Amino acid sequence: MDGSDTQVGGAGTVSISGASGTITFSTAFTVSAATNYIVQADVANLVTSDAVTLALTTGNITASGVTSGLSVTTSGSATNAPHTAGGSPRHSGSSGYPAIY
């Protein structure tokens, strides 16, 4: 992330059960055109060779009109983002925990 990125969604709450889970954002935000997002996460509980994949499908987006409050049908696609915890010191995060890459 750099100075030109704008934070949206507030803090995300993660809920994982078994091999899947959700991230629910605390603050609504408005999208008026095709937009790219960066999701930044602290994965301090991953150990060497643990893996996580961030995936987003239109069926998992809840959207409503700003003025009308009516449900909005979402469309488009996102590429899955897989990450695996590294095992060597060069991949360790500043906290000493394995970083994702």
Foldseek 3Di string as FASTA:
>chain_A
DDPVDDDDQDDWDWDDDPQDTDTHGDHDDDDDDDDDDDDDDDPQVAAAFDKDKDADDQVPDWDADPPPRHTDRDDDGDDIDMWGFHDDPVQADPVRGTHTD
